[in-house]
Structure formats: structure tokens, C-alpha cells
Amino acid sequence: MTGAARTTTRDIARAAVRAQLAQVAFELFRREGFDKVTLDDLAAAAGVSRSTFLRYFGTKEDAVLGAFEGHDRRVADALRARPADEDDWTALRHALDAVVGRYHEDPAGALATTRLVYDTPSLCARHLEKQHSWRPALVEALVDRAGTEGPPTLAQNVLAGAALNCLNVALAHWTASDGHLDLVTLLDEAFAATRGG
């Protein structure tokens, strides 16, 4: 067995343990309320020590927000893959499909996760803080699409920020509708409203 294969196996095992711990944490948060659950409660529910839990998640918030990890890269990669003749705003809208797809794969789970995040002030604040770090990845992808040298333009920064705001507004409306409204339609409407359409 090569070193690369061992690393891959270890990474797969670590991801599986992390996913299991996150699921246990999420169920406990839903049942007891996020603020009432301690790290010790999470570790006990998962059948691991507190230090083991902390090796996978540094905070309670991370146990929930881990579900959103890598979204910035997925959206940025999808943005780079959009047709070159497509305007940036349209490309940003379609690039967000890379993360909206999860909501279609597991609507009930996505709704429960989104509701937990939006209804818990500390989680919502941490989520918005993490999502703020998506913007540079999107801006970099816009610069790559433009094929220009030099620093990103103000317009590229504004477009990336506005796209993320559209996503958040669409998610808030979708959650408020208890998942009855179509998230893709809401996102389309948010983008159209921002464009002034």
C-alpha cells in the first residue's frame, strides 16, 4: 500500500467519523436546543471523550456549520466553468446552483439545518462570518473569468457580495415558508430584483 493510499483511507475514515459526530450533535441540538447543549453533552451523546470531539470540531458552532464547508470552492469552481460569453451576474447566479443542489437532494435535512442556523443567534453570526470569507474566492473567480491582471475591481467585489446577499435572502424566505416555496425560484427572483428586473 502506498503512502497516498494510506492518506486517502485515513481521510475517508476521518470524514466518516466527523460526519457521524456532526449528525449526533445536530440531533441533540434539535432536541434540546443549541444553547442548552454543552461540549460535554455532545461528547457523551457521541460516546467519545470531550478531547476527541474537539479534535474534529473546535466549537459547537463548527459541528453544525461543517455542513457548509467547501461551499466557497464549489461556487468559485462553478463560476470559472460558466461560459465565457455569459455576463458575470448571470454566471454568479448559476454558480450558486453548486450549493443549492444540496437543498434539493435532502430538502427536510437542509431545511432543519438552515432553520437551526437562522434561529440561533450565535450560529447565524458565525455562519455569516464564515460566509463572508466566500467573497474573496468568488472575486478571484470573477478576475479569472475576466482574464485581467492586477487587483480585483470594485465592481467584482460588489457583485460577489451582492450574490451572497441574494442567496441569504432567498434562504431566509425559503425557511420562513417552511420549505414550501421553491428555493431556485426565490434565488432567481432575488437576482432579478437586485438587477432591477
Protein backbone atom coordinates (compact mmCIF):
# COMPACT_ATOMS: atom_id res chain seq x y z
CA MET A 1 0.00 0.00 0.00
CA THR A 2 1.39 3.40 -0.92
CA GLY A 3 1.57 6.43 1.33
CA ALA A 4 -1.01 8.18 -0.82
CA ALA A 5 -3.46 5.30 -0.40
CA ARG A 6 -2.98 5.31 3.38
CA THR A 7 -3.61 9.05 3.48
CA THR A 8 -6.75 8.66 1.42
CA THR A 9 -8.03 5.88 3.65
CA ARG A 10 -7.27 7.94 6.75
CA ASP A 11 -9.01 10.97 5.26
CA ILE A 12 -12.06 8.88 4.39
CA ALA A 13 -12.21 7.44 7.90
CA ARG A 14 -11.79 10.89 9.46
CA ALA A 15 -14.55 12.32 7.27
CA ALA A 16 -16.87 9.45 8.25
CA VAL A 17 -16.24 9.99 11.97
CA ARG A 18 -16.69 13.73 11.54
CA ALA A 19 -20.00 13.23 9.73
CA GLN A 20 -21.23 10.87 12.43
CA LEU A 21 -20.29 13.29 15.22
CA ALA A 22 -21.99 16.13 13.34
CA GLN A 23 -25.17 14.08 12.97
CA VAL A 24 -25.24 13.22 16.68
CA ALA A 25 -24.64 16.89 17.54
CA PHE A 26 -27.34 18.09 15.17
CA GLU A 27 -29.94 15.71 16.60
CA LEU A 28 -29.06 16.78 20.15
CA PHE A 29 -29.27 20.46 19.20
CA ARG A 30 -32.68 19.94 17.62
CA ARG A 31 -33.98 18.04 20.61
CA GLU A 32 -32.52 20.11 23.45
CA GLY A 33 -31.83 23.50 21.88
CA PHE A 34 -28.43 24.70 20.74
CA ASP A 35 -27.70 26.95 23.72
CA LYS A 36 -28.58 24.28 26.31
CA VAL A 37 -26.17 21.68 24.92
CA THR A 38 -22.58 21.70 26.17
CA LEU A 39 -19.48 20.20 24.62
CA ASP A 40 -19.57 17.57 27.37
CA ASP A 41 -23.17 16.73 26.37
CA LEU A 42 -22.09 16.33 22.75
CA ALA A 43 -19.18 14.09 23.63
CA ALA A 44 -21.35 11.92 25.89
CA ALA A 45 -24.09 11.59 23.26
CA ALA A 46 -21.49 10.56 20.67
CA GLY A 47 -19.78 8.15 23.06
CA VAL A 48 -16.40 9.86 22.80
CA SER A 49 -14.28 11.98 25.10
CA ARG A 50 -14.52 15.75 25.04
CA SER A 51 -10.96 15.94 23.67
CA THR A 52 -11.86 13.54 20.85
CA PHE A 53 -14.89 15.66 19.94
CA LEU A 54 -12.72 18.79 19.97
CA ARG A 55 -10.24 17.15 17.57
CA TYR A 56 -13.00 17.11 14.96
CA PHE A 57 -14.83 20.31 15.88
CA GLY A 58 -13.24 23.20 17.74
CA THR A 59 -16.61 24.63 18.81
CA LYS A 60 -20.27 23.67 19.00
CA GLU A 61 -20.93 26.00 16.07
CA ASP A 62 -18.43 24.15 13.92
CA ALA A 63 -20.35 20.90 14.45
CA VAL A 64 -23.31 22.47 12.63
CA LEU A 65 -21.52 24.76 10.20
CA GLY A 66 -19.26 21.98 8.94
CA ALA A 67 -22.16 21.19 6.61
CA PHE A 68 -21.25 24.34 4.67
CA GLU A 69 -17.50 23.69 4.39
CA GLY A 70 -16.13 23.83 0.88
CA HIS A 71 -19.11 25.75 -0.47
CA ASP A 72 -16.87 28.69 -1.36
CA ARG A 73 -14.63 26.46 -3.50
CA ARG A 74 -17.58 24.73 -5.16
CA VAL A 75 -19.21 28.02 -6.12
CA ALA A 76 -15.91 29.56 -7.27
CA ASP A 77 -15.12 26.48 -9.40
CA ALA A 78 -18.63 26.53 -10.88
CA LEU A 79 -18.21 30.25 -11.62
CA ARG A 80 -14.96 29.62 -13.50
CA ALA A 81 -16.68 26.88 -15.51
CA ARG A 82 -19.50 29.12 -16.73
CA PRO A 83 -19.46 30.10 -20.44
CA ALA A 84 -17.05 32.93 -21.18
CA ASP A 85 -19.69 34.95 -23.03
CA GLU A 86 -22.08 34.89 -20.06
CA ASP A 87 -22.25 38.14 -18.07
CA ASP A 88 -20.83 37.95 -14.54
CA TRP A 89 -24.17 38.44 -12.76
CA THR A 90 -25.79 35.56 -14.66
CA ALA A 91 -22.70 33.44 -14.13
CA LEU A 92 -22.81 34.10 -10.38
CA ARG A 93 -26.46 33.13 -10.24
CA HIS A 94 -25.81 29.81 -12.00
CA ALA A 95 -22.65 29.14 -10.00
CA LEU A 96 -24.72 29.17 -6.80
CA ASP A 97 -26.55 26.11 -8.12
CA ALA A 98 -23.45 24.20 -6.98
CA VAL A 99 -24.60 24.64 -3.37
CA VAL A 100 -28.34 24.98 -3.88
CA GLY A 101 -28.38 21.41 -5.21
CA ARG A 102 -27.94 20.11 -1.66
CA TYR A 103 -31.30 21.61 -0.78
CA HIS A 104 -32.93 19.52 -3.49
CA GLU A 105 -31.14 16.31 -2.52
CA ASP A 106 -32.33 16.44 1.09
CA PRO A 107 -34.97 19.17 1.48
CA ALA A 108 -36.02 18.17 5.00
CA GLY A 109 -32.45 17.93 6.28
CA ALA A 110 -31.44 21.18 4.57
CA LEU A 111 -34.49 22.97 5.99
CA ALA A 112 -33.76 21.70 9.51
CA THR A 113 -30.11 22.76 9.29
CA THR A 114 -30.94 26.17 7.83
CA ARG A 115 -33.64 26.76 10.43
CA LEU A 116 -31.26 25.83 13.27
CA VAL A 117 -28.68 28.27 11.91
CA TYR A 118 -31.15 31.12 11.35
CA ASP A 119 -32.95 30.62 14.69
CA THR A 120 -29.78 30.53 16.80
CA PRO A 121 -28.12 33.95 17.04
CA SER A 122 -24.62 32.63 17.77
CA LEU A 123 -24.84 30.15 14.89
CA CYS A 124 -26.25 32.73 12.50
CA ALA A 125 -23.48 35.21 13.36
CA ARG A 126 -20.78 32.55 12.94
CA HIS A 127 -22.33 31.40 9.65
CA LEU A 128 -22.36 34.93 8.26
CA GLU A 129 -18.77 35.39 9.41
CA LYS A 130 -17.73 32.21 7.61
CA GLN A 131 -19.75 33.11 4.54
CA HIS A 132 -18.01 36.48 4.40
CA SER A 133 -14.86 34.52 3.59
CA TRP A 134 -16.56 33.14 0.46
CA ARG A 135 -16.43 36.57 -1.17
CA PRO A 136 -12.68 36.59 -1.90
CA ALA A 137 -13.00 33.18 -3.59
CA LEU A 138 -15.82 34.48 -5.78
CA VAL A 139 -13.95 37.68 -6.56
CA GLU A 140 -10.88 35.68 -7.57
CA ALA A 141 -13.04 33.57 -9.88
CA LEU A 142 -14.51 36.73 -11.44
CA VAL A 143 -10.98 38.04 -12.03
CA ASP A 144 -10.05 34.71 -13.65
CA ARG A 145 -13.12 34.93 -15.89
CA ALA A 146 -12.13 38.45 -16.95
CA GLY A 147 -8.57 37.33 -17.70
CA THR A 148 -7.16 40.60 -16.42
CA GLU A 149 -4.05 41.39 -14.41
CA GLY A 150 -3.97 43.43 -11.26
CA PRO A 151 -6.20 43.70 -8.25
CA PRO A 152 -9.93 42.96 -8.40
CA THR A 153 -12.18 45.84 -9.32
CA LEU A 154 -14.73 47.43 -7.03
CA ALA A 155 -17.46 46.08 -9.31
CA GLN A 156 -16.19 42.50 -8.93
CA ASN A 157 -16.23 42.85 -5.14
CA VAL A 158 -19.73 44.34 -5.18
CA LEU A 159 -21.07 41.62 -7.48
CA ALA A 160 -19.69 38.83 -5.27
CA GLY A 161 -21.10 40.41 -2.12
CA ALA A 162 -24.47 41.05 -3.72
CA ALA A 163 -24.70 37.45 -4.95
CA LEU A 164 -24.13 36.16 -1.42
CA ASN A 165 -26.76 38.55 -0.08
CA CYS A 166 -29.22 37.25 -2.66
CA LEU A 167 -28.52 33.71 -1.51
CA ASN A 168 -29.12 34.65 2.14
CA VAL A 169 -32.37 36.47 1.39
CA ALA A 170 -33.63 33.56 -0.71
CA LEU A 171 -32.74 31.10 2.06
CA ALA A 172 -34.49 33.25 4.67
CA HIS A 173 -37.68 33.32 2.59
CA TRP A 174 -37.45 29.60 1.87
CA THR A 175 -37.03 28.82 5.57
CA ALA A 176 -39.89 31.16 6.53
CA SER A 177 -42.14 29.30 4.06
CA ASP A 178 -41.25 26.03 5.82
CA GLY A 179 -39.69 24.85 2.57
CA HIS A 180 -42.91 25.22 0.58
CA LEU A 181 -41.54 27.88 -1.75
CA ASP A 182 -39.04 26.80 -4.39
CA LEU A 183 -35.54 27.88 -3.42
CA VAL A 184 -34.33 28.14 -7.03
CA THR A 185 -37.25 30.42 -7.91
CA LEU A 186 -36.57 32.55 -4.85
CA LEU A 187 -32.89 32.85 -5.80
CA ASP A 188 -33.84 33.79 -9.37
CA GLU A 189 -36.22 36.44 -8.03
CA ALA A 190 -33.58 37.84 -5.67
CA PHE A 191 -31.07 38.14 -8.51
CA ALA A 192 -33.68 39.76 -10.77
CA ALA A 193 -34.66 42.24 -8.05
CA THR A 194 -31.02 43.20 -7.47
CA ARG A 195 -30.55 43.74 -11.17
CA GLY A 196 -33.68 45.88 -11.11
CA GLY A 197 -35.74 43.47 -13.19
